[in-house]
Amino acid sequence: RLATDPVLRDLVLAGLRRRWSPQQIAAWLRIEHPEHPEWHVSHETIY
């Protein structure tokens, strides 16, 4: 998923640069972007 969606990839990279864990990023994506279910990835996908 992160290889095909550049916007999602940038969001995940931004969270990692802020030293957020993959689980925090996955939860934040669901809370902040409920209108984009295609961005709702599991923390395992990020790992």
All heavy atoms as atom14 arrays in JSON, in Angstrom:
{
  "sequence": "RLATDPVLRDLVLAGLRRRWSPQQIAAWLRIEHPEHPEWHVSHETIY",
  "atom14_mask": [
    [1, 1, 1, 1, 1, 1, 1, 1, 1, 1, 1, 0, 0, 0],
    [1, 1, 1, 1, 1, 1, 1, 1, 0, 0, 0, 0, 0, 0],
    [1, 1, 1, 1, 1, 0, 0, 0, 0, 0, 0, 0, 0, 0],
    [1, 1, 1, 1, 1, 1, 1, 0, 0, 0, 0, 0, 0, 0],
    [1, 1, 1, 1, 1, 1, 1, 1, 0, 0, 0, 0, 0, 0],
    [1, 1, 1, 1, 1, 1, 1, 0, 0, 0, 0, 0, 0, 0],
    [1, 1, 1, 1, 1, 1, 1, 0, 0, 0, 0, 0, 0, 0],
    [1, 1, 1, 1, 1, 1, 1, 1, 0, 0, 0, 0, 0, 0],
    [1, 1, 1, 1, 1, 1, 1, 1, 1, 1, 1, 0, 0, 0],
    [1, 1, 1, 1, 1, 1, 1, 1, 0, 0, 0, 0, 0, 0],
    [1, 1, 1, 1, 1, 1, 1, 1, 0, 0, 0, 0, 0, 0],
    [1, 1, 1, 1, 1, 1, 1, 0, 0, 0, 0, 0, 0, 0],
    [1, 1, 1, 1, 1, 1, 1, 1, 0, 0, 0, 0, 0, 0],
    [1, 1, 1, 1, 1, 0, 0, 0, 0, 0, 0, 0, 0, 0],
    [1, 1, 1, 1, 0, 0, 0, 0, 0, 0, 0, 0, 0, 0],
    [1, 1, 1, 1, 1, 1, 1, 1, 0, 0, 0, 0, 0, 0],
    [1, 1, 1, 1, 1, 1, 1, 1, 1, 1, 1, 0, 0, 0],
    [1, 1, 1, 1, 1, 1, 1, 1, 1, 1, 1, 0, 0, 0],
    [1, 1, 1, 1, 1, 1, 1, 1, 1, 1, 1, 0, 0, 0],
    [1, 1, 1, 1, 1, 1, 1, 1, 1, 1, 1, 1, 1, 1],
    [1, 1, 1, 1, 1, 1, 0, 0, 0, 0, 0, 0, 0, 0],
    [1, 1, 1, 1, 1, 1, 1, 0, 0, 0, 0, 0, 0, 0],
    [1, 1, 1, 1, 1, 1, 1, 1, 1, 0, 0, 0, 0, 0],
    [1, 1, 1, 1, 1, 1, 1, 1, 1, 0, 0, 0, 0, 0],
    [1, 1, 1, 1, 1, 1, 1, 1, 0, 0, 0, 0, 0, 0],
    [1, 1, 1, 1, 1, 0, 0, 0, 0, 0, 0, 0, 0, 0],
    [1, 1, 1, 1, 1, 0, 0, 0, 0, 0, 0, 0, 0, 0],
    [1, 1, 1, 1, 1, 1, 1, 1, 1, 1, 1, 1, 1, 1],
    [1, 1, 1, 1, 1, 1, 1, 1, 0, 0, 0, 0, 0, 0],
    [1, 1, 1, 1, 1, 1, 1, 1, 1, 1, 1, 0, 0, 0],
    [1, 1, 1, 1, 1, 1, 1, 1, 0, 0, 0, 0, 0, 0],
    [1, 1, 1, 1, 1, 1, 1, 1, 1, 0, 0, 0, 0, 0],
    [1, 1, 1, 1, 1, 1, 1, 1, 1, 1, 0, 0, 0, 0],
    [1, 1, 1, 1, 1, 1, 1, 0, 0, 0, 0, 0, 0, 0],
    [1, 1, 1, 1, 1, 1, 1, 1, 1, 0, 0, 0, 0, 0],
    [1, 1, 1, 1, 1, 1, 1, 1, 1, 1, 0, 0, 0, 0],
    [1, 1, 1, 1, 1, 1, 1, 0, 0, 0, 0, 0, 0, 0],
    [1, 1, 1, 1, 1, 1, 1, 1, 1, 0, 0, 0, 0, 0],
    [1, 1, 1, 1, 1, 1, 1, 1, 1, 1, 1, 1, 1, 1],
    [1, 1, 1, 1, 1, 1, 1, 1, 1, 1, 0, 0, 0, 0],
    [1, 1, 1, 1, 1, 1, 1, 0, 0, 0, 0, 0, 0, 0],
    [1, 1, 1, 1, 1, 1, 0, 0, 0, 0, 0, 0, 0, 0],
    [1, 1, 1, 1, 1, 1, 1, 1, 1, 1, 0, 0, 0, 0],
    [1, 1, 1, 1, 1, 1, 1, 1, 1, 0, 0, 0, 0, 0],
    [1, 1, 1, 1, 1, 1, 1, 0, 0, 0, 0, 0, 0, 0],
    [1, 1, 1, 1, 1, 1, 1, 1, 0, 0, 0, 0, 0, 0],
    [1, 1, 1, 1, 1, 1, 1, 1, 1, 1, 1, 1, 0, 0]
  ],
  "atom14_positions": [
    [[0.83, -1.21, 0.0], [0.0, 0.0, 0.0], [0.86, 1.26, 0.0], [0.56, 2.23, -0.69], [-0.89, 0.0, 1.26], [-1.89, -1.13, 1.34], [-3.19, -0.76, 0.66], [-3.83, 0.37, 1.3], [-4.61, 0.29, 2.37], [-4.79, -0.89, 2.95], [-5.19, 1.36, 2.86], [0.0, 0.0, 0.0], [0.0, 0.0, 0.0], [0.0, 0.0, 0.0]],
    [[1.92, 1.25, 0.78], [2.75, 2.44, 0.89], [3.57, 2.69, -0.37], [4.1, 3.79, -0.56], [3.69, 2.33, 2.09], [2.99, 2.24, 3.46], [4.0, 2.09, 4.57], [2.14, 3.47, 3.69], [0.0, 0.0, 0.0], [0.0, 0.0, 0.0], [0.0, 0.0, 0.0], [0.0, 0.0, 0.0], [0.0, 0.0, 0.0], [0.0, 0.0, 0.0]],
    [[3.68, 1.69, -1.22], [4.43, 1.86, -2.47], [3.55, 2.42, -3.58], [4.06, 3.01, -4.53], [5.04, 0.54, -2.91], [0.0, 0.0, 0.0], [0.0, 0.0, 0.0], [0.0, 0.0, 0.0], [0.0, 0.0, 0.0], [0.0, 0.0, 0.0], [0.0, 0.0, 0.0], [0.0, 0.0, 0.0], [0.0, 0.0, 0.0], [0.0, 0.0, 0.0]],
    [[2.23, 2.25, -3.46], [1.32, 2.67, -4.53], [0.61, 3.99, -4.24], [0.07, 4.6, -5.16], [0.26, 1.58, -4.77], [-0.47, 1.35, -3.56], [0.93, 0.28, -5.21], [0.0, 0.0, 0.0], [0.0, 0.0, 0.0], [0.0, 0.0, 0.0], [0.0, 0.0, 0.0], [0.0, 0.0, 0.0], [0.0, 0.0, 0.0], [0.0, 0.0, 0.0]],
    [[0.58, 4.4, -2.98], [-0.13, 5.64, -2.61], [0.87, 6.64, -2.06], [1.26, 6.58, -0.89], [-1.19, 5.33, -1.55], [-2.16, 6.48, -1.33], [-1.73, 7.64, -1.53], [-3.31, 6.24, -0.93], [0.0, 0.0, 0.0], [0.0, 0.0, 0.0], [0.0, 0.0, 0.0], [0.0, 0.0, 0.0], [0.0, 0.0, 0.0], [0.0, 0.0, 0.0]],
    [[1.32, 7.61, -2.87], [2.34, 8.55, -2.4], [1.86, 9.45, -1.27], [2.66, 9.84, -0.41], [2.69, 9.35, -3.66], [1.5, 9.21, -4.55], [0.94, 7.84, -4.27], [0.0, 0.0, 0.0], [0.0, 0.0, 0.0], [0.0, 0.0, 0.0], [0.0, 0.0, 0.0], [0.0, 0.0, 0.0], [0.0, 0.0, 0.0], [0.0, 0.0, 0.0]],
    [[0.57, 9.79, -1.23], [0.06, 10.64, -0.16], [0.11, 9.91, 1.17], [0.56, 10.44, 2.19], [-1.37, 11.1, -0.47], [-1.92, 11.96, 0.68], [-1.42, 11.88, -1.77], [0.0, 0.0, 0.0], [0.0, 0.0, 0.0], [0.0, 0.0, 0.0], [0.0, 0.0, 0.0], [0.0, 0.0, 0.0], [0.0, 0.0, 0.0], [0.0, 0.0, 0.0]],
    [[-0.34, 8.67, 1.17], [-0.28, 7.85, 2.4], [1.17, 7.66, 2.83], [1.49, 7.74, 4.02], [-0.93, 6.5, 2.14], [-0.82, 5.47, 3.27], [-1.48, 5.98, 4.55], [-1.45, 4.14, 2.84], [0.0, 0.0, 0.0], [0.0, 0.0, 0.0], [0.0, 0.0, 0.0], [0.0, 0.0, 0.0], [0.0, 0.0, 0.0], [0.0, 0.0, 0.0]],
    [[2.03, 7.45, 1.87], [3.44, 7.27, 2.19], [4.02, 8.5, 2.88], [4.74, 8.4, 3.87], [4.2, 6.98, 0.88], [5.69, 6.73, 1.05], [6.32, 6.65, -0.34], [7.74, 6.39, -0.25], [8.27, 5.17, -0.2], [7.47, 4.11, -0.2], [9.57, 5.0, -0.12], [0.0, 0.0, 0.0], [0.0, 0.0, 0.0], [0.0, 0.0, 0.0]],
    [[3.67, 9.69, 2.37], [4.17, 10.93, 2.97], [3.62, 11.12, 4.38], [4.33, 11.62, 5.27], [3.81, 12.12, 2.08], [4.59, 12.14, 0.78], [5.63, 11.46, 0.71], [4.15, 12.82, -0.17], [0.0, 0.0, 0.0], [0.0, 0.0, 0.0], [0.0, 0.0, 0.0], [0.0, 0.0, 0.0], [0.0, 0.0, 0.0], [0.0, 0.0, 0.0]],
    [[2.35, 10.75, 4.6], [1.77, 10.88, 5.93], [2.49, 9.97, 6.93], [2.78, 10.37, 8.06], [0.28, 10.53, 5.88], [-0.64, 11.54, 5.18], [-2.04, 10.98, 5.04], [-0.68, 12.86, 5.95], [0.0, 0.0, 0.0], [0.0, 0.0, 0.0], [0.0, 0.0, 0.0], [0.0, 0.0, 0.0], [0.0, 0.0, 0.0], [0.0, 0.0, 0.0]],
    [[2.78, 8.75, 6.51], [3.47, 7.81, 7.38], [4.89, 8.29, 7.66], [5.37, 8.25, 8.8], [3.48, 6.4, 6.76], [4.36, 5.46, 7.57], [2.06, 5.85, 6.7], [0.0, 0.0, 0.0], [0.0, 0.0, 0.0], [0.0, 0.0, 0.0], [0.0, 0.0, 0.0], [0.0, 0.0, 0.0], [0.0, 0.0, 0.0], [0.0, 0.0, 0.0]],
    [[5.58, 8.75, 6.63], [6.94, 9.25, 6.82], [6.97, 10.46, 7.76], [7.88, 10.59, 8.58], [7.55, 9.63, 5.47], [8.03, 8.46, 4.61], [8.41, 8.95, 3.22], [9.23, 7.78, 5.26], [0.0, 0.0, 0.0], [0.0, 0.0, 0.0], [0.0, 0.0, 0.0], [0.0, 0.0, 0.0], [0.0, 0.0, 0.0], [0.0, 0.0, 0.0]],
    [[5.96, 11.33, 7.64], [5.9, 12.49, 8.53], [5.75, 12.06, 9.98], [6.39, 12.62, 10.88], [4.75, 13.4, 8.11], [0.0, 0.0, 0.0], [0.0, 0.0, 0.0], [0.0, 0.0, 0.0], [0.0, 0.0, 0.0], [0.0, 0.0, 0.0], [0.0, 0.0, 0.0], [0.0, 0.0, 0.0], [0.0, 0.0, 0.0], [0.0, 0.0, 0.0]],
    [[4.92, 11.04, 10.22], [4.77, 10.54, 11.58], [6.04, 9.9, 12.11], [6.41, 10.09, 13.27], [0.0, 0.0, 0.0], [0.0, 0.0, 0.0], [0.0, 0.0, 0.0], [0.0, 0.0, 0.0], [0.0, 0.0, 0.0], [0.0, 0.0, 0.0], [0.0, 0.0, 0.0], [0.0, 0.0, 0.0], [0.0, 0.0, 0.0], [0.0, 0.0, 0.0]],
    [[6.74, 9.15, 11.26], [7.98, 8.51, 11.69], [9.06, 9.55, 11.98], [9.86, 9.37, 12.91], [8.46, 7.54, 10.6], [7.61, 6.28, 10.41], [8.07, 5.5, 9.19], [7.67, 5.4, 11.65], [0.0, 0.0, 0.0], [0.0, 0.0, 0.0], [0.0, 0.0, 0.0], [0.0, 0.0, 0.0], [0.0, 0.0, 0.0], [0.0, 0.0, 0.0]],
    [[9.1, 10.62, 11.21], [10.09, 11.67, 11.47], [9.79, 12.4, 12.77], [10.69, 12.99, 13.38], [10.13, 12.66, 10.3], [10.72, 12.06, 9.02], [11.04, 13.13, 7.99], [11.66, 12.55, 6.82], [11.02, 12.24, 5.7], [9.71, 12.45, 5.61], [11.66, 11.7, 4.68], [0.0, 0.0, 0.0], [0.0, 0.0, 0.0], [0.0, 0.0, 0.0]],
    [[8.54, 12.37, 13.21], [8.18, 12.95, 14.51], [8.38, 11.94, 15.63], [7.99, 12.17, 16.77], [6.72, 13.41, 14.49], [6.46, 14.54, 13.51], [4.98, 14.85, 13.4], [4.44, 15.4, 14.63], [3.15, 15.71, 14.78], [2.3, 15.53, 13.79], [2.73, 16.2, 15.93], [0.0, 0.0, 0.0], [0.0, 0.0, 0.0], [0.0, 0.0, 0.0]],
    [[8.98, 10.78, 15.27], [9.3, 9.72, 16.21], [8.06, 9.05, 16.8], [8.07, 8.56, 17.92], [10.23, 10.23, 17.33], [11.59, 10.67, 16.83], [12.45, 11.16, 17.99], [13.82, 11.41, 17.59], [14.25, 12.55, 17.08], [13.4, 13.55, 16.89], [15.52, 12.7, 16.75], [0.0, 0.0, 0.0], [0.0, 0.0, 0.0], [0.0, 0.0, 0.0]],
    [[6.96, 9.04, 16.03], [5.78, 8.29, 16.44], [5.99, 6.83, 16.11], [6.66, 6.48, 15.14], [4.54, 8.8, 15.71], [4.08, 10.16, 16.14], [4.74, 11.02, 16.96], [2.88, 10.82, 15.75], [4.03, 12.18, 17.12], [2.88, 12.09, 16.38], [1.81, 10.47, 14.94], [1.83, 13.0, 16.22], [0.78, 11.37, 14.77], [0.79, 12.62, 15.41]],
    [[5.4, 5.97, 16.88], [5.47, 4.54, 16.6], [4.48, 4.19, 15.48], [3.51, 4.93, 15.25], [5.13, 3.74, 17.86], [3.76, 3.85, 18.16], [0.0, 0.0, 0.0], [0.0, 0.0, 0.0], [0.0, 0.0, 0.0], [0.0, 0.0, 0.0], [0.0, 0.0, 0.0], [0.0, 0.0, 0.0], [0.0, 0.0, 0.0], [0.0, 0.0, 0.0]],
    [[4.67, 3.07, 14.78], [3.7, 2.66, 13.76], [2.28, 2.53, 14.29], [1.32, 2.85, 13.6], [4.26, 1.32, 13.28], [5.74, 1.46, 13.44], [5.9, 2.23, 14.73], [0.0, 0.0, 0.0], [0.0, 0.0, 0.0], [0.0, 0.0, 0.0], [0.0, 0.0, 0.0], [0.0, 0.0, 0.0], [0.0, 0.0, 0.0], [0.0, 0.0, 0.0]],
    [[2.13, 2.06, 15.54], [0.79, 1.93, 16.1], [0.16, 3.3, 16.3], [-1.05, 3.49, 16.06], [0.85, 1.17, 17.42], [-0.52, 0.76, 17.94], [-0.43, -0.13, 19.14], [0.6, -0.19, 19.81], [-1.49, -0.85, 19.46], [0.0, 0.0, 0.0], [0.0, 0.0, 0.0], [0.0, 0.0, 0.0], [0.0, 0.0, 0.0], [0.0, 0.0, 0.0]],
    [[0.93, 4.28, 16.73], [0.4, 5.64, 16.9], [0.01, 6.23, 15.55], [-1.02, 6.9, 15.43], [1.45, 6.51, 17.58], [1.67, 6.17, 19.04], [2.86, 6.89, 19.64], [3.82, 7.22, 18.93], [2.83, 7.13, 20.94], [0.0, 0.0, 0.0], [0.0, 0.0, 0.0], [0.0, 0.0, 0.0], [0.0, 0.0, 0.0], [0.0, 0.0, 0.0]],
    [[0.81, 5.99, 14.52], [0.5, 6.51, 13.19], [-0.78, 5.88, 12.65], [-1.65, 6.57, 12.1], [1.68, 6.25, 12.23], [2.92, 7.02, 12.69], [1.32, 6.64, 10.81], [4.18, 6.67, 11.92], [0.0, 0.0, 0.0], [0.0, 0.0, 0.0], [0.0, 0.0, 0.0], [0.0, 0.0, 0.0], [0.0, 0.0, 0.0], [0.0, 0.0, 0.0]],
    [[-0.92, 4.56, 12.8], [-2.1, 3.87, 12.3], [-3.37, 4.4, 12.97], [-4.4, 4.62, 12.32], [-1.97, 2.37, 12.52], [0.0, 0.0, 0.0], [0.0, 0.0, 0.0], [0.0, 0.0, 0.0], [0.0, 0.0, 0.0], [0.0, 0.0, 0.0], [0.0, 0.0, 0.0], [0.0, 0.0, 0.0], [0.0, 0.0, 0.0], [0.0, 0.0, 0.0]],
    [[-3.33, 4.63, 14.29], [-4.49, 5.16, 15.0], [-4.77, 6.6, 14.59], [-5.93, 6.99, 14.4], [-4.25, 5.07, 16.5], [0.0, 0.0, 0.0], [0.0, 0.0, 0.0], [0.0, 0.0, 0.0], [0.0, 0.0, 0.0], [0.0, 0.0, 0.0], [0.0, 0.0, 0.0], [0.0, 0.0, 0.0], [0.0, 0.0, 0.0], [0.0, 0.0, 0.0]],
    [[-3.71, 7.39, 14.43], [-3.88, 8.79, 14.05], [-4.52, 8.92, 12.67], [-5.38, 9.79, 12.44], [-2.52, 9.48, 14.06], [-2.56, 10.92, 13.63], [-2.88, 12.01, 14.38], [-2.26, 11.42, 12.31], [-2.79, 13.16, 13.64], [-2.42, 12.83, 12.35], [-1.87, 10.82, 11.12], [-2.21, 13.63, 11.24], [-1.66, 11.63, 10.01], [-1.82, 13.01, 10.08]],
    [[-4.15, 8.06, 11.74], [-4.74, 8.1, 10.39], [-6.24, 7.84, 10.44], [-7.01, 8.48, 9.7], [-4.06, 7.06, 9.49], [-2.63, 7.38, 9.05], [-2.0, 6.18, 8.36], [-2.59, 8.59, 8.12], [0.0, 0.0, 0.0], [0.0, 0.0, 0.0], [0.0, 0.0, 0.0], [0.0, 0.0, 0.0], [0.0, 0.0, 0.0], [0.0, 0.0, 0.0]],
    [[-6.67, 6.94, 11.29], [-8.1, 6.65, 11.39], [-8.88, 7.81, 12.03], [-10.01, 8.1, 11.64], [-8.31, 5.37, 12.21], [-7.99, 4.11, 11.44], [-8.09, 2.86, 12.33], [-8.06, 1.64, 11.56], [-6.97, 1.09, 11.06], [-5.8, 1.68, 11.27], [-7.02, -0.03, 10.35], [0.0, 0.0, 0.0], [0.0, 0.0, 0.0], [0.0, 0.0, 0.0]],
    [[-8.24, 8.45, 13.0], [-8.93, 9.55, 13.7], [-8.97, 10.81, 12.85], [-10.0, 11.49, 12.75], [-8.24, 9.82, 15.05], [-8.39, 8.61, 15.98], [-8.8, 11.08, 15.71], [-7.6, 8.73, 17.26], [0.0, 0.0, 0.0], [0.0, 0.0, 0.0], [0.0, 0.0, 0.0], [0.0, 0.0, 0.0], [0.0, 0.0, 0.0], [0.0, 0.0, 0.0]],
    [[-7.84, 11.16, 12.23], [-7.74, 12.42, 11.49], [-8.29, 12.34, 10.06], [-8.63, 13.37, 9.49], [-6.27, 12.85, 11.44], [-5.68, 13.22, 12.8], [-6.37, 14.43, 13.41], [-6.72, 15.37, 12.64], [-6.59, 14.43, 14.64], [0.0, 0.0, 0.0], [0.0, 0.0, 0.0], [0.0, 0.0, 0.0], [0.0, 0.0, 0.0], [0.0, 0.0, 0.0]],
    [[-8.38, 11.15, 9.5], [-8.83, 11.03, 8.1], [-9.91, 9.96, 7.97], [-9.73, 8.96, 7.26], [-7.64, 10.7, 7.19], [-6.55, 11.73, 7.21], [-6.65, 12.95, 6.58], [-5.33, 11.72, 7.83], [-5.55, 13.64, 6.77], [-4.74, 12.93, 7.54], [0.0, 0.0, 0.0], [0.0, 0.0, 0.0], [0.0, 0.0, 0.0], [0.0, 0.0, 0.0]],
    [[-11.03, 10.14, 8.66], [-12.1, 9.13, 8.55], [-12.7, 9.07, 7.15], [-13.31, 8.07, 6.78], [-13.13, 9.6, 9.59], [-12.88, 11.07, 9.72], [-11.4, 11.26, 9.54], [0.0, 0.0, 0.0], [0.0, 0.0, 0.0], [0.0, 0.0, 0.0], [0.0, 0.0, 0.0], [0.0, 0.0, 0.0], [0.0, 0.0, 0.0], [0.0, 0.0, 0.0]],
    [[-12.56, 10.17, 6.39], [-13.14, 10.2, 5.04], [-12.27, 9.49, 4.02], [-12.65, 9.39, 2.84], [-13.36, 11.66, 4.62], [-12.09, 12.45, 4.27], [-11.29, 12.89, 5.49], [-11.72, 12.56, 6.61], [-10.27, 13.57, 5.3], [0.0, 0.0, 0.0], [0.0, 0.0, 0.0], [0.0, 0.0, 0.0], [0.0, 0.0, 0.0], [0.0, 0.0, 0.0]],
    [[-11.11, 9.02, 4.41], [-10.2, 8.31, 3.5], [-9.91, 6.91, 4.05], [-8.83, 6.66, 4.59], [-8.9, 9.08, 3.32], [-9.04, 10.36, 2.55], [-9.27, 10.39, 1.2], [-9.0, 11.65, 2.97], [-9.37, 11.65, 0.79], [-9.21, 12.43, 1.85], [0.0, 0.0, 0.0], [0.0, 0.0, 0.0], [0.0, 0.0, 0.0], [0.0, 0.0, 0.0]],
    [[-10.85, 5.98, 3.9], [-10.59, 4.63, 4.42], [-9.42, 3.93, 3.74], [-8.85, 3.0, 4.3], [-11.91, 3.9, 4.17], [-12.59, 4.67, 3.08], [-12.17, 6.1, 3.28], [0.0, 0.0, 0.0], [0.0, 0.0, 0.0], [0.0, 0.0, 0.0], [0.0, 0.0, 0.0], [0.0, 0.0, 0.0], [0.0, 0.0, 0.0], [0.0, 0.0, 0.0]],
    [[-9.07, 4.4, 2.54], [-7.94, 3.78, 1.86], [-6.62, 4.1, 2.55], [-5.58, 3.48, 2.25], [-7.88, 4.23, 0.4], [-7.54, 5.7, 0.18], [-8.75, 6.63, 0.28], [-9.82, 6.15, 0.74], [-8.62, 7.8, -0.09], [0.0, 0.0, 0.0], [0.0, 0.0, 0.0], [0.0, 0.0, 0.0], [0.0, 0.0, 0.0], [0.0, 0.0, 0.0]],
    [[-6.61, 5.07, 3.45], [-5.4, 5.41, 4.21], [-5.36, 4.7, 5.56], [-4.4, 4.86, 6.31], [-5.31, 6.91, 4.45], [-5.08, 7.71, 3.19], [-4.75, 7.23, 1.96], [-5.17, 9.12, 3.06], [-4.63, 8.25, 1.06], [-4.88, 9.44, 1.71], [-5.47, 10.16, 3.94], [-4.88, 10.74, 1.23], [-5.48, 11.47, 3.46], [-5.18, 11.75, 2.12]],
    [[-6.37, 3.92, 5.88], [-6.43, 3.24, 7.17], [-5.65, 1.93, 7.08], [-6.18, 0.89, 6.67], [-7.88, 2.98, 7.58], [-8.69, 4.22, 7.73], [-10.05, 4.22, 7.96], [-8.32, 5.54, 7.69], [-10.49, 5.47, 8.05], [-9.45, 6.29, 7.89], [0.0, 0.0, 0.0], [0.0, 0.0, 0.0], [0.0, 0.0, 0.0], [0.0, 0.0, 0.0]],
    [[-4.39, 1.99, 7.45], [-3.53, 0.82, 7.39], [-3.22, 0.35, 8.81], [-3.34, 1.11, 9.77], [-2.2, 1.13, 6.65], [-2.48, 1.52, 5.22], [-1.43, 2.24, 7.36], [0.0, 0.0, 0.0], [0.0, 0.0, 0.0], [0.0, 0.0, 0.0], [0.0, 0.0, 0.0], [0.0, 0.0, 0.0], [0.0, 0.0, 0.0], [0.0, 0.0, 0.0]],
    [[-2.85, -0.89, 8.94], [-2.48, -1.43, 10.24], [-1.03, -1.07, 10.55], [-0.24, -0.76, 9.65], [-2.65, -2.95, 10.26], [-1.7, -3.56, 9.41], [0.0, 0.0, 0.0], [0.0, 0.0, 0.0], [0.0, 0.0, 0.0], [0.0, 0.0, 0.0], [0.0, 0.0, 0.0], [0.0, 0.0, 0.0], [0.0, 0.0, 0.0], [0.0, 0.0, 0.0]],
    [[-0.69, -1.13, 11.83], [0.7, -0.86, 12.2], [1.64, -1.91, 11.64], [2.81, -1.64, 11.37], [0.85, -0.77, 13.72], [0.43, -2.0, 14.46], [-0.85, -2.27, 14.81], [1.16, -3.07, 14.89], [-0.92, -3.43, 15.44], [0.29, -3.94, 15.49], [0.0, 0.0, 0.0], [0.0, 0.0, 0.0], [0.0, 0.0, 0.0], [0.0, 0.0, 0.0]],
    [[1.12, -3.12, 11.41], [1.96, -4.18, 10.84], [2.38, -3.83, 9.41], [3.51, -4.13, 8.99], [1.21, -5.51, 10.86], [2.0, -6.69, 10.31], [3.26, -6.99, 11.12], [3.29, -6.67, 12.32], [4.2, -7.55, 10.53], [0.0, 0.0, 0.0], [0.0, 0.0, 0.0], [0.0, 0.0, 0.0], [0.0, 0.0, 0.0], [0.0, 0.0, 0.0]],
    [[1.5, -3.17, 8.66], [1.84, -2.73, 7.31], [3.02, -1.76, 7.34], [3.93, -1.83, 6.51], [0.62, -2.05, 6.65], [-0.44, -3.0, 6.54], [0.98, -1.53, 5.27], [0.0, 0.0, 0.0], [0.0, 0.0, 0.0], [0.0, 0.0, 0.0], [0.0, 0.0, 0.0], [0.0, 0.0, 0.0], [0.0, 0.0, 0.0], [0.0, 0.0, 0.0]],
    [[3.02, -0.86, 8.32], [4.11, 0.1, 8.43], [5.4, -0.59, 8.87], [6.48, -0.3, 8.35], [3.73, 1.22, 9.42], [2.43, 1.91, 8.95], [4.85, 2.24, 9.55], [1.9, 2.94, 9.92], [0.0, 0.0, 0.0], [0.0, 0.0, 0.0], [0.0, 0.0, 0.0], [0.0, 0.0, 0.0], [0.0, 0.0, 0.0], [0.0, 0.0, 0.0]],
    [[5.29, -1.52, 9.81], [6.48, -2.26, 10.24], [7.11, -3.0, 9.07], [8.33, -3.0, 8.89], [6.12, -3.25, 11.34], [6.14, -2.67, 12.73], [4.99, -2.62, 13.51], [7.32, -2.18, 13.29], [5.0, -2.1, 14.78], [7.34, -1.65, 14.56], [6.18, -1.62, 15.31], [6.21, -1.09, 16.57], [0.0, 0.0, 0.0], [0.0, 0.0, 0.0]]
  ]
}
